[in-house]
């Protein structure tokens, strides 16, 4: 069996799970509701506050789907009960971020500001303290969506290896390179 797929998913208090005949799982919790279509090769059982996923056969693709769907369902349960937060920091002189509702305005050293419209499922806030790098704080119940948006924001100005300037995740370690050495004569 899949090492990840065979692990049960603990269902916390206040989280309700519904599985309909079309293999669509709906997870409701205090933070919201998420739904996902599950492959028919994967069967879901609920057994005293544990969710167990089983597969129908031992083919290679079915084994891969077993671990995948267990991880996706576990992320759905964690999302509706606790939520997910990603913090990014802007490293560089003059780099700024400002949130206005669902709009995120970034000043990243280009000739113009970049304005991103974020999905309604994501809440965004920014901080700019004196002496510290500006930060962008994203929070959502959908781990897949928040990761995709964070990767899009990071791709606007990736951290470069010489000075380390760019958008990076909080506590991300950027490998630094040595610059040119002076000519020796």
N, C-alpha and C. Protein backbone atom coordinates (compact mmCIF):
# COMPACT_ATOMS: atom_id res chain seq x y z
N UNK A 1 0.83 -1.19 0.00
CA UNK A 1 0.00 0.00 0.00
C UNK A 1 0.86 1.24 0.00
N UNK A 2 0.25 2.33 -0.40
CA UNK A 2 0.92 3.61 -0.38
C UNK A 2 1.17 4.02 1.07
N UNK A 3 2.37 4.50 1.35
CA UNK A 3 2.67 4.89 2.73
C UNK A 3 1.83 6.07 3.17
N UNK A 4 1.59 7.00 2.25
CA UNK A 4 0.76 8.15 2.60
C UNK A 4 -0.72 7.78 2.51
N UNK A 5 -1.09 7.04 1.49
CA UNK A 5 -2.50 6.70 1.26
C UNK A 5 -3.12 5.88 2.36
N UNK A 6 -2.34 5.05 3.04
CA UNK A 6 -2.93 4.19 4.06
C UNK A 6 -3.12 4.89 5.40
N UNK A 7 -2.55 6.07 5.56
CA UNK A 7 -2.72 6.82 6.82
C UNK A 7 -4.14 7.37 6.92
N UNK A 8 -4.80 7.22 8.06
CA UNK A 8 -6.14 7.81 8.21
C UNK A 8 -6.04 9.32 8.40
N UNK A 9 -7.09 10.02 7.98
CA UNK A 9 -7.18 11.47 8.17
C UNK A 9 -8.08 11.72 9.37
N UNK A 10 -7.54 12.34 10.41
CA UNK A 10 -8.33 12.63 11.60
C UNK A 10 -9.29 13.78 11.30
N UNK A 11 -10.55 13.61 11.68
CA UNK A 11 -11.57 14.63 11.46
C UNK A 11 -11.74 15.41 12.76
N UNK A 12 -11.35 16.69 12.80
CA UNK A 12 -11.50 17.47 14.03
C UNK A 12 -12.96 17.81 14.31
N UNK A 13 -13.23 18.27 15.53
CA UNK A 13 -14.59 18.67 15.91
C UNK A 13 -15.02 19.87 15.08
N UNK A 14 -16.27 19.89 14.67
CA UNK A 14 -16.81 20.99 13.89
C UNK A 14 -16.65 20.82 12.39
N UNK A 15 -16.00 19.75 11.95
CA UNK A 15 -15.82 19.49 10.52
C UNK A 15 -16.77 18.38 10.10
N UNK A 16 -17.57 18.66 9.06
CA UNK A 16 -18.53 17.68 8.56
C UNK A 16 -18.15 17.31 7.13
N UNK A 17 -18.15 16.01 6.85
CA UNK A 17 -17.77 15.51 5.54
C UNK A 17 -18.95 14.79 4.91
N UNK A 18 -19.22 15.12 3.64
CA UNK A 18 -20.31 14.50 2.90
C UNK A 18 -19.75 13.96 1.58
N UNK A 19 -20.09 12.70 1.26
CA UNK A 19 -19.67 12.08 0.01
C UNK A 19 -20.93 11.70 -0.74
N UNK A 20 -21.10 12.25 -1.97
CA UNK A 20 -22.32 11.92 -2.73
C UNK A 20 -22.05 10.79 -3.72
N UNK A 21 -23.09 10.38 -4.44
CA UNK A 21 -22.98 9.23 -5.35
C UNK A 21 -22.09 9.50 -6.56
N UNK A 22 -21.80 10.75 -6.88
CA UNK A 22 -20.93 11.09 -8.00
C UNK A 22 -19.47 11.18 -7.59
N UNK A 23 -19.14 10.68 -6.40
CA UNK A 23 -17.77 10.70 -5.85
C UNK A 23 -17.25 12.11 -5.64
N UNK A 24 -18.11 13.02 -5.23
CA UNK A 24 -17.70 14.38 -4.88
C UNK A 24 -17.71 14.48 -3.36
N UNK A 25 -16.54 14.84 -2.80
CA UNK A 25 -16.44 14.98 -1.35
C UNK A 25 -16.57 16.47 -1.01
N UNK A 26 -17.43 16.76 -0.03
CA UNK A 26 -17.64 18.12 0.44
C UNK A 26 -17.24 18.19 1.91
N UNK A 27 -16.33 19.11 2.24
CA UNK A 27 -15.84 19.27 3.60
C UNK A 27 -16.28 20.64 4.09
N UNK A 28 -17.07 20.66 5.18
CA UNK A 28 -17.54 21.92 5.78
C UNK A 28 -16.91 22.06 7.15
N UNK A 29 -16.48 23.28 7.45
CA UNK A 29 -15.88 23.54 8.74
C UNK A 29 -16.13 24.96 9.18
N UNK A 30 -15.53 25.35 10.31
CA UNK A 30 -15.76 26.71 10.82
C UNK A 30 -15.23 27.81 9.89
N UNK A 31 -14.23 27.53 9.08
CA UNK A 31 -13.66 28.55 8.19
C UNK A 31 -14.31 28.60 6.82
N UNK A 32 -15.04 27.55 6.42
CA UNK A 32 -15.67 27.56 5.10
C UNK A 32 -15.97 26.17 4.60
N UNK A 33 -16.13 26.07 3.29
CA UNK A 33 -16.50 24.81 2.66
C UNK A 33 -15.67 24.59 1.40
N UNK A 34 -15.21 23.35 1.20
CA UNK A 34 -14.45 22.97 0.01
C UNK A 34 -15.04 21.69 -0.57
N UNK A 35 -14.99 21.55 -1.89
CA UNK A 35 -15.49 20.35 -2.56
C UNK A 35 -14.47 19.92 -3.61
N UNK A 36 -14.39 18.60 -3.84
CA UNK A 36 -13.46 18.06 -4.83
C UNK A 36 -14.02 16.76 -5.38
N UNK A 37 -13.81 16.55 -6.67
CA UNK A 37 -14.22 15.32 -7.33
C UNK A 37 -13.12 14.28 -7.13
N UNK A 38 -13.49 13.11 -6.62
CA UNK A 38 -12.53 12.03 -6.34
C UNK A 38 -12.64 10.98 -7.45
N UNK A 39 -11.50 10.44 -7.89
CA UNK A 39 -11.48 9.40 -8.90
C UNK A 39 -12.26 8.18 -8.41
N UNK A 40 -13.06 7.54 -9.29
CA UNK A 40 -13.87 6.39 -8.86
C UNK A 40 -13.05 5.18 -8.39
N UNK A 41 -11.75 5.13 -8.72
CA UNK A 41 -10.91 4.02 -8.25
C UNK A 41 -10.60 4.12 -6.77
N UNK A 42 -10.83 5.27 -6.17
CA UNK A 42 -10.56 5.49 -4.74
C UNK A 42 -11.88 5.53 -3.99
N UNK A 43 -11.99 4.71 -2.96
CA UNK A 43 -13.20 4.66 -2.13
C UNK A 43 -12.90 5.29 -0.77
N UNK A 44 -13.87 6.06 -0.26
CA UNK A 44 -13.69 6.78 0.99
C UNK A 44 -14.66 6.21 2.03
N UNK A 45 -14.13 5.90 3.22
CA UNK A 45 -14.94 5.42 4.33
C UNK A 45 -14.69 6.31 5.54
N UNK A 46 -15.76 6.55 6.31
CA UNK A 46 -15.62 7.31 7.55
C UNK A 46 -15.83 6.35 8.70
N UNK A 47 -14.83 6.27 9.60
CA UNK A 47 -14.86 5.32 10.71
C UNK A 47 -14.45 6.03 11.98
N UNK A 48 -15.39 6.22 12.91
CA UNK A 48 -15.23 6.95 14.18
C UNK A 48 -14.17 8.06 14.14
N UNK A 49 -14.56 9.17 13.52
CA UNK A 49 -13.77 10.40 13.38
C UNK A 49 -12.45 10.22 12.64
N UNK A 50 -12.36 9.19 11.81
CA UNK A 50 -11.22 9.01 10.93
C UNK A 50 -11.73 8.77 9.52
N UNK A 51 -11.07 9.37 8.56
CA UNK A 51 -11.41 9.19 7.16
C UNK A 51 -10.36 8.26 6.55
N UNK A 52 -10.79 7.17 5.95
CA UNK A 52 -9.87 6.17 5.40
C UNK A 52 -10.12 6.05 3.90
N UNK A 53 -9.05 6.14 3.12
CA UNK A 53 -9.15 5.98 1.67
C UNK A 53 -8.59 4.63 1.26
N UNK A 54 -9.34 3.90 0.44
CA UNK A 54 -8.92 2.59 -0.06
C UNK A 54 -8.95 2.62 -1.58
N UNK A 55 -8.09 1.80 -2.19
CA UNK A 55 -8.08 1.73 -3.65
C UNK A 55 -8.63 0.39 -4.09
N UNK A 56 -9.13 0.35 -5.34
CA UNK A 56 -9.77 -0.86 -5.84
C UNK A 56 -8.78 -1.90 -6.32
N UNK A 57 -7.65 -1.50 -6.90
CA UNK A 57 -6.68 -2.46 -7.41
C UNK A 57 -5.27 -1.97 -7.12
N UNK A 58 -4.26 -2.74 -7.54
CA UNK A 58 -2.86 -2.40 -7.26
C UNK A 58 -2.09 -1.98 -8.50
N UNK A 59 -2.78 -1.38 -9.47
CA UNK A 59 -2.08 -0.86 -10.63
C UNK A 59 -1.25 0.36 -10.23
N UNK A 60 -0.24 0.66 -11.03
CA UNK A 60 0.68 1.75 -10.69
C UNK A 60 -0.03 3.10 -10.60
N UNK A 61 -0.91 3.40 -11.56
CA UNK A 61 -1.60 4.70 -11.54
C UNK A 61 -2.57 4.78 -10.36
N UNK A 62 -3.19 3.67 -10.02
CA UNK A 62 -4.12 3.68 -8.88
C UNK A 62 -3.37 3.90 -7.58
N UNK A 63 -2.18 3.31 -7.46
CA UNK A 63 -1.37 3.53 -6.26
C UNK A 63 -0.98 5.01 -6.14
N UNK A 64 -0.65 5.63 -7.27
CA UNK A 64 -0.28 7.06 -7.26
C UNK A 64 -1.49 7.92 -6.85
N UNK A 65 -2.66 7.58 -7.39
CA UNK A 65 -3.87 8.33 -7.05
C UNK A 65 -4.24 8.17 -5.59
N UNK A 66 -3.95 7.01 -5.01
CA UNK A 66 -4.28 6.73 -3.61
C UNK A 66 -3.60 7.75 -2.69
N UNK A 67 -2.30 7.91 -2.84
CA UNK A 67 -1.57 8.87 -2.01
C UNK A 67 -1.95 10.30 -2.33
N UNK A 68 -2.18 10.60 -3.62
CA UNK A 68 -2.55 11.95 -4.03
C UNK A 68 -3.85 12.38 -3.37
N UNK A 69 -4.89 11.57 -3.50
CA UNK A 69 -6.20 11.96 -2.97
C UNK A 69 -6.22 11.99 -1.45
N UNK A 70 -5.43 11.15 -0.80
CA UNK A 70 -5.34 11.21 0.67
C UNK A 70 -4.75 12.55 1.09
N UNK A 71 -3.69 13.00 0.39
CA UNK A 71 -3.06 14.27 0.71
C UNK A 71 -4.01 15.44 0.42
N UNK A 72 -4.75 15.37 -0.70
CA UNK A 72 -5.68 16.45 -1.04
C UNK A 72 -6.81 16.54 -0.03
N UNK A 73 -7.36 15.40 0.39
CA UNK A 73 -8.44 15.41 1.38
C UNK A 73 -7.93 15.89 2.73
N UNK A 74 -6.71 15.48 3.12
CA UNK A 74 -6.14 15.95 4.39
C UNK A 74 -5.95 17.47 4.36
N UNK A 75 -5.53 18.03 3.21
CA UNK A 75 -5.38 19.48 3.09
C UNK A 75 -6.73 20.18 3.15
N UNK A 76 -7.78 19.56 2.61
CA UNK A 76 -9.12 20.14 2.68
C UNK A 76 -9.59 20.20 4.13
N UNK A 77 -9.37 19.12 4.89
CA UNK A 77 -9.80 19.06 6.29
C UNK A 77 -9.04 20.09 7.11
N UNK A 78 -7.73 20.20 6.90
CA UNK A 78 -6.93 21.18 7.64
C UNK A 78 -7.32 22.60 7.25
N UNK A 79 -7.63 22.82 5.98
CA UNK A 79 -7.98 24.15 5.51
C UNK A 79 -9.26 24.68 6.12
N UNK A 80 -10.31 23.85 6.18
CA UNK A 80 -11.58 24.34 6.72
C UNK A 80 -11.55 24.42 8.25
N UNK A 81 -10.60 23.75 8.91
CA UNK A 81 -10.54 23.84 10.36
C UNK A 81 -9.53 24.89 10.84
N UNK A 82 -8.35 24.96 10.21
CA UNK A 82 -7.31 25.90 10.65
C UNK A 82 -7.01 26.98 9.62
N UNK A 83 -7.01 26.63 8.35
CA UNK A 83 -6.64 27.57 7.30
C UNK A 83 -5.15 27.54 7.04
N UNK A 84 -4.73 28.17 5.95
CA UNK A 84 -3.32 28.21 5.56
C UNK A 84 -2.89 29.66 5.42
N UNK A 85 -1.63 29.94 5.78
CA UNK A 85 -1.07 31.28 5.68
C UNK A 85 0.31 31.20 5.04
N UNK A 86 0.58 32.08 4.08
CA UNK A 86 1.89 32.17 3.46
C UNK A 86 2.36 33.62 3.61
N UNK A 87 3.59 33.79 4.10
CA UNK A 87 4.17 35.11 4.28
C UNK A 87 5.35 35.24 3.32
N UNK A 88 5.35 36.32 2.53
CA UNK A 88 6.45 36.60 1.60
C UNK A 88 7.04 37.96 1.96
N UNK A 89 8.36 38.09 1.78
CA UNK A 89 8.99 39.37 2.05
C UNK A 89 9.65 39.91 0.79
N UNK A 90 9.65 41.23 0.67
CA UNK A 90 10.24 41.91 -0.48
C UNK A 90 11.59 42.45 -0.05
N UNK A 91 12.67 41.94 -0.65
CA UNK A 91 14.02 42.35 -0.30
C UNK A 91 14.57 43.19 -1.45
N UNK A 92 14.86 44.43 -1.18
CA UNK A 92 15.41 45.32 -2.21
C UNK A 92 15.07 46.76 -1.90
N UNK A 93 15.92 47.67 -2.32
CA UNK A 93 15.72 49.09 -2.04
C UNK A 93 14.52 49.59 -2.85
N UNK A 94 13.55 50.18 -2.19
CA UNK A 94 12.40 50.75 -2.87
C UNK A 94 11.30 49.76 -3.21
N UNK A 95 11.44 48.49 -2.85
CA UNK A 95 10.39 47.51 -3.11
C UNK A 95 9.26 47.73 -2.11
N UNK A 96 8.04 47.84 -2.62
CA UNK A 96 6.88 48.10 -1.76
C UNK A 96 5.72 47.22 -2.17
N UNK A 97 4.81 46.98 -1.23
CA UNK A 97 3.58 46.26 -1.51
C UNK A 97 2.45 46.95 -0.75
N UNK A 98 1.29 47.06 -1.42
CA UNK A 98 0.14 47.69 -0.79
C UNK A 98 -1.11 46.93 -1.20
N UNK A 99 -1.94 46.57 -0.22
CA UNK A 99 -3.17 45.82 -0.49
C UNK A 99 -4.37 46.75 -0.37
N UNK A 100 -5.23 46.71 -1.39
CA UNK A 100 -6.49 47.45 -1.38
C UNK A 100 -7.60 46.46 -1.71
N UNK A 101 -8.19 45.86 -0.68
CA UNK A 101 -9.21 44.84 -0.93
C UNK A 101 -8.59 43.62 -1.57
N UNK A 102 -9.06 43.25 -2.77
CA UNK A 102 -8.52 42.10 -3.49
C UNK A 102 -7.44 42.51 -4.49
N UNK A 103 -7.03 43.77 -4.50
CA UNK A 103 -5.97 44.24 -5.38
C UNK A 103 -4.67 44.34 -4.59
N UNK A 104 -3.59 43.84 -5.19
CA UNK A 104 -2.27 43.93 -4.59
C UNK A 104 -1.40 44.74 -5.54
N UNK A 105 -0.91 45.88 -5.06
CA UNK A 105 -0.07 46.76 -5.87
C UNK A 105 1.38 46.60 -5.42
N UNK A 106 2.24 46.22 -6.38
CA UNK A 106 3.63 45.96 -6.08
C UNK A 106 4.53 46.93 -6.82
N UNK A 107 5.50 47.49 -6.12
CA UNK A 107 6.53 48.33 -6.72
C UNK A 107 7.85 47.56 -6.59
N UNK A 108 8.33 47.00 -7.72
CA UNK A 108 9.46 46.07 -7.68
C UNK A 108 10.66 46.53 -8.49
N UNK A 109 10.80 47.82 -8.70
CA UNK A 109 11.95 48.34 -9.41
C UNK A 109 11.77 48.40 -10.91
N UNK A 110 10.60 48.05 -11.40
CA UNK A 110 10.32 48.20 -12.83
C UNK A 110 9.87 49.64 -13.08
N UNK A 111 9.67 50.01 -14.33
CA UNK A 111 9.27 51.37 -14.67
C UNK A 111 7.82 51.65 -14.28
N UNK A 112 7.08 50.62 -13.94
CA UNK A 112 5.67 50.78 -13.59
C UNK A 112 5.34 49.88 -12.40
N UNK A 113 4.26 50.19 -11.70
CA UNK A 113 3.80 49.33 -10.62
C UNK A 113 3.01 48.17 -11.21
N UNK A 114 3.04 47.04 -10.53
CA UNK A 114 2.31 45.84 -10.96
C UNK A 114 1.09 45.71 -10.07
N UNK A 115 -0.09 45.58 -10.68
CA UNK A 115 -1.33 45.42 -9.92
C UNK A 115 -1.89 44.04 -10.21
N UNK A 116 -2.04 43.24 -9.15
CA UNK A 116 -2.60 41.89 -9.26
C UNK A 116 -3.98 41.85 -8.63
N UNK A 117 -4.94 41.24 -9.32
CA UNK A 117 -6.25 41.02 -8.73
C UNK A 117 -6.29 39.59 -8.22
N UNK A 118 -6.47 39.43 -6.92
CA UNK A 118 -6.43 38.12 -6.29
C UNK A 118 -7.84 37.51 -6.24
N UNK A 119 -7.95 36.17 -6.23
CA UNK A 119 -9.26 35.52 -6.12
C UNK A 119 -9.95 35.86 -4.80
N UNK A 120 -11.28 35.77 -4.80
CA UNK A 120 -12.06 36.11 -3.62
C UNK A 120 -11.76 35.20 -2.43
N UNK A 121 -11.29 33.97 -2.68
CA UNK A 121 -11.03 33.01 -1.61
C UNK A 121 -9.79 33.35 -0.79
N UNK A 122 -8.98 34.31 -1.28
CA UNK A 122 -7.72 34.65 -0.62
C UNK A 122 -7.84 36.02 0.03
N UNK A 123 -7.41 36.10 1.29
CA UNK A 123 -7.34 37.37 2.00
C UNK A 123 -5.87 37.80 1.99
N UNK A 124 -5.64 39.08 1.67
CA UNK A 124 -4.27 39.58 1.58
C UNK A 124 -4.12 40.80 2.48
N UNK A 125 -2.96 40.89 3.12
CA UNK A 125 -2.62 42.08 3.89
C UNK A 125 -1.11 42.31 3.73
N UNK A 126 -0.70 43.53 3.95
CA UNK A 126 0.71 43.88 3.82
C UNK A 126 1.17 44.63 5.06
N UNK A 127 2.46 44.51 5.36
CA UNK A 127 3.05 45.27 6.45
C UNK A 127 4.32 45.92 5.95
N UNK A 128 4.60 47.12 6.46
CA UNK A 128 5.82 47.84 6.11
C UNK A 128 6.30 48.56 7.36
N UNK A 129 7.19 47.91 8.11
CA UNK A 129 7.74 48.50 9.32
C UNK A 129 9.10 49.11 9.01
N UNK A 130 9.39 50.18 9.69
CA UNK A 130 10.66 50.87 9.46
C UNK A 130 11.82 49.96 9.89
N UNK A 131 12.80 49.82 9.01
CA UNK A 131 13.97 49.00 9.32
C UNK A 131 13.80 47.53 8.97
N UNK A 132 12.62 47.13 8.51
CA UNK A 132 12.38 45.74 8.13
C UNK A 132 11.88 45.69 6.69
N UNK A 133 12.00 44.54 6.08
CA UNK A 133 11.52 44.37 4.72
C UNK A 133 9.99 44.34 4.70
N UNK A 134 9.36 44.92 3.65
CA UNK A 134 7.91 44.82 3.53
C UNK A 134 7.48 43.36 3.36
N UNK A 135 6.32 43.01 3.90
CA UNK A 135 5.84 41.63 3.81
C UNK A 135 4.43 41.60 3.23
N UNK A 136 4.14 40.48 2.56
CA UNK A 136 2.81 40.20 2.03
C UNK A 136 2.31 38.97 2.78
N UNK A 137 1.12 39.03 3.35
CA UNK A 137 0.54 37.92 4.09
C UNK A 137 -0.71 37.44 3.36
N UNK A 138 -0.66 36.21 2.87
CA UNK A 138 -1.80 35.60 2.17
C UNK A 138 -2.41 34.54 3.08
N UNK A 139 -3.74 34.50 3.17
CA UNK A 139 -4.40 33.46 3.96
C UNK A 139 -5.64 32.97 3.22
N UNK A 140 -5.88 31.66 3.30
CA UNK A 140 -6.99 31.04 2.60
C UNK A 140 -7.25 29.66 3.20
N UNK A 141 -8.38 29.05 2.80
CA UNK A 141 -8.66 27.68 3.23
C UNK A 141 -8.23 26.68 2.16
N UNK A 142 -7.93 27.15 0.96
CA UNK A 142 -7.57 26.28 -0.16
C UNK A 142 -6.05 26.30 -0.36
N UNK A 143 -5.37 25.22 0.03
CA UNK A 143 -3.91 25.19 -0.04
C UNK A 143 -3.40 25.26 -1.47
N UNK A 144 -4.08 24.61 -2.39
CA UNK A 144 -3.66 24.59 -3.79
C UNK A 144 -3.71 26.00 -4.38
N UNK A 145 -4.79 26.71 -4.13
CA UNK A 145 -4.97 28.06 -4.68
C UNK A 145 -3.99 29.05 -4.07
N UNK A 146 -3.79 29.00 -2.76
CA UNK A 146 -2.89 29.95 -2.11
C UNK A 146 -1.45 29.71 -2.55
N UNK A 147 -1.07 28.46 -2.78
CA UNK A 147 0.27 28.16 -3.27
C UNK A 147 0.49 28.66 -4.68
N UNK A 148 -0.54 28.54 -5.50
CA UNK A 148 -0.46 29.01 -6.88
C UNK A 148 -0.31 30.54 -6.93
N UNK A 149 -1.08 31.25 -6.11
CA UNK A 149 -1.01 32.71 -6.08
C UNK A 149 0.34 33.17 -5.53
N UNK A 150 0.84 32.50 -4.48
CA UNK A 150 2.14 32.87 -3.91
C UNK A 150 3.26 32.64 -4.93
N UNK A 151 3.18 31.57 -5.71
CA UNK A 151 4.19 31.31 -6.74
C UNK A 151 4.13 32.37 -7.85
N UNK A 152 2.93 32.82 -8.18
CA UNK A 152 2.77 33.86 -9.20
C UNK A 152 3.39 35.17 -8.72
N UNK A 153 3.14 35.53 -7.46
CA UNK A 153 3.71 36.76 -6.90
C UNK A 153 5.24 36.66 -6.88
N UNK A 154 5.77 35.52 -6.47
CA UNK A 154 7.22 35.33 -6.40
C UNK A 154 7.85 35.40 -7.79
N UNK A 155 7.12 34.92 -8.82
CA UNK A 155 7.68 34.90 -10.17
C UNK A 155 7.85 36.30 -10.76
N UNK A 156 7.20 37.32 -10.17
CA UNK A 156 7.32 38.68 -10.69
C UNK A 156 8.73 39.24 -10.49
N UNK A 157 9.41 38.81 -9.42
CA UNK A 157 10.79 39.22 -9.18
C UNK A 157 11.43 38.16 -8.28
N UNK A 158 11.98 37.10 -8.91
CA UNK A 158 12.60 36.02 -8.15
C UNK A 158 13.86 36.52 -7.46
N UNK A 159 14.22 35.93 -6.32
CA UNK A 159 15.45 36.34 -5.65
C UNK A 159 16.68 36.03 -6.52
N UNK A 160 17.53 37.02 -6.69
CA UNK A 160 18.71 36.79 -7.51
C UNK A 160 19.88 36.41 -6.61
N UNK A 161 20.85 35.64 -7.13
CA UNK A 161 21.86 35.04 -6.26
C UNK A 161 23.01 35.96 -5.84
N UNK A 162 23.15 37.15 -6.44
CA UNK A 162 24.30 37.99 -6.11
C UNK A 162 24.04 38.93 -4.93
N UNK A 163 22.92 39.62 -4.95
CA UNK A 163 22.59 40.51 -3.83
C UNK A 163 21.42 39.99 -3.02
N UNK A 164 20.68 39.00 -3.53
CA UNK A 164 19.56 38.42 -2.81
C UNK A 164 18.28 39.24 -2.94
N UNK A 165 18.24 40.19 -3.87
CA UNK A 165 17.05 41.02 -4.02
C UNK A 165 15.94 40.24 -4.71
N UNK A 166 14.69 40.55 -4.34
CA UNK A 166 13.54 39.92 -4.97
C UNK A 166 12.48 39.56 -3.95
N UNK A 167 11.47 38.81 -4.38
CA UNK A 167 10.40 38.38 -3.50
C UNK A 167 10.71 36.96 -3.06
N UNK A 168 10.74 36.74 -1.75
CA UNK A 168 11.02 35.40 -1.24
C UNK A 168 10.04 35.06 -0.13
N UNK A 169 9.90 33.76 0.12
CA UNK A 169 9.07 33.31 1.23
C UNK A 169 9.80 33.62 2.53
N UNK A 170 9.06 33.84 3.60
CA UNK A 170 9.66 34.13 4.89
C UNK A 170 10.55 32.96 5.30
N UNK A 171 11.74 33.24 5.75
CA UNK A 171 12.74 32.25 6.17
C UNK A 171 13.26 31.39 5.02
N UNK A 172 13.04 31.79 3.77
CA UNK A 172 13.63 31.08 2.64
C UNK A 172 15.11 31.42 2.56
N UNK A 173 15.92 30.42 2.32
CA UNK A 173 17.37 30.63 2.22
C UNK A 173 17.73 30.70 0.75
N UNK A 174 18.31 31.81 0.34
CA UNK A 174 18.71 32.02 -1.05
C UNK A 174 20.21 31.77 -1.14
N UNK A 175 20.61 30.85 -2.02
CA UNK A 175 22.03 30.57 -2.22
C UNK A 175 22.69 31.77 -2.86
N UNK A 176 23.73 32.25 -2.24
CA UNK A 176 24.42 33.44 -2.73
C UNK A 176 25.67 33.03 -3.48
N UNK A 177 26.00 33.80 -4.51
CA UNK A 177 27.21 33.58 -5.30
C UNK A 177 28.18 34.72 -5.04
N UNK A 178 29.45 34.43 -5.20
CA UNK A 178 30.47 35.47 -5.10
C UNK A 178 30.46 36.27 -6.39
N UNK A 179 30.71 37.56 -6.29
CA UNK A 179 30.74 38.41 -7.48
C UNK A 179 32.07 38.24 -8.21
N UNK A 180 32.29 39.11 -9.20
CA UNK A 180 33.54 39.05 -9.96
C UNK A 180 34.72 39.39 -9.06
N UNK A 181 35.80 38.69 -9.26
CA UNK A 181 37.01 39.06 -8.50
C UNK A 181 37.86 39.99 -9.37
N UNK A 182 38.61 40.84 -8.75
CA UNK A 182 39.42 41.82 -9.49
C UNK A 182 40.50 41.12 -10.31
N UNK A 183 40.83 41.72 -11.45
CA UNK A 183 41.87 41.15 -12.32
C UNK A 183 43.22 41.23 -11.61
N UNK A 184 44.00 40.16 -11.70
CA UNK A 184 45.27 40.12 -10.99
C UNK A 184 46.40 40.34 -11.99
N UNK A 185 47.25 41.37 -11.74
CA UNK A 185 48.41 41.66 -12.60
C UNK A 185 49.62 41.86 -11.78
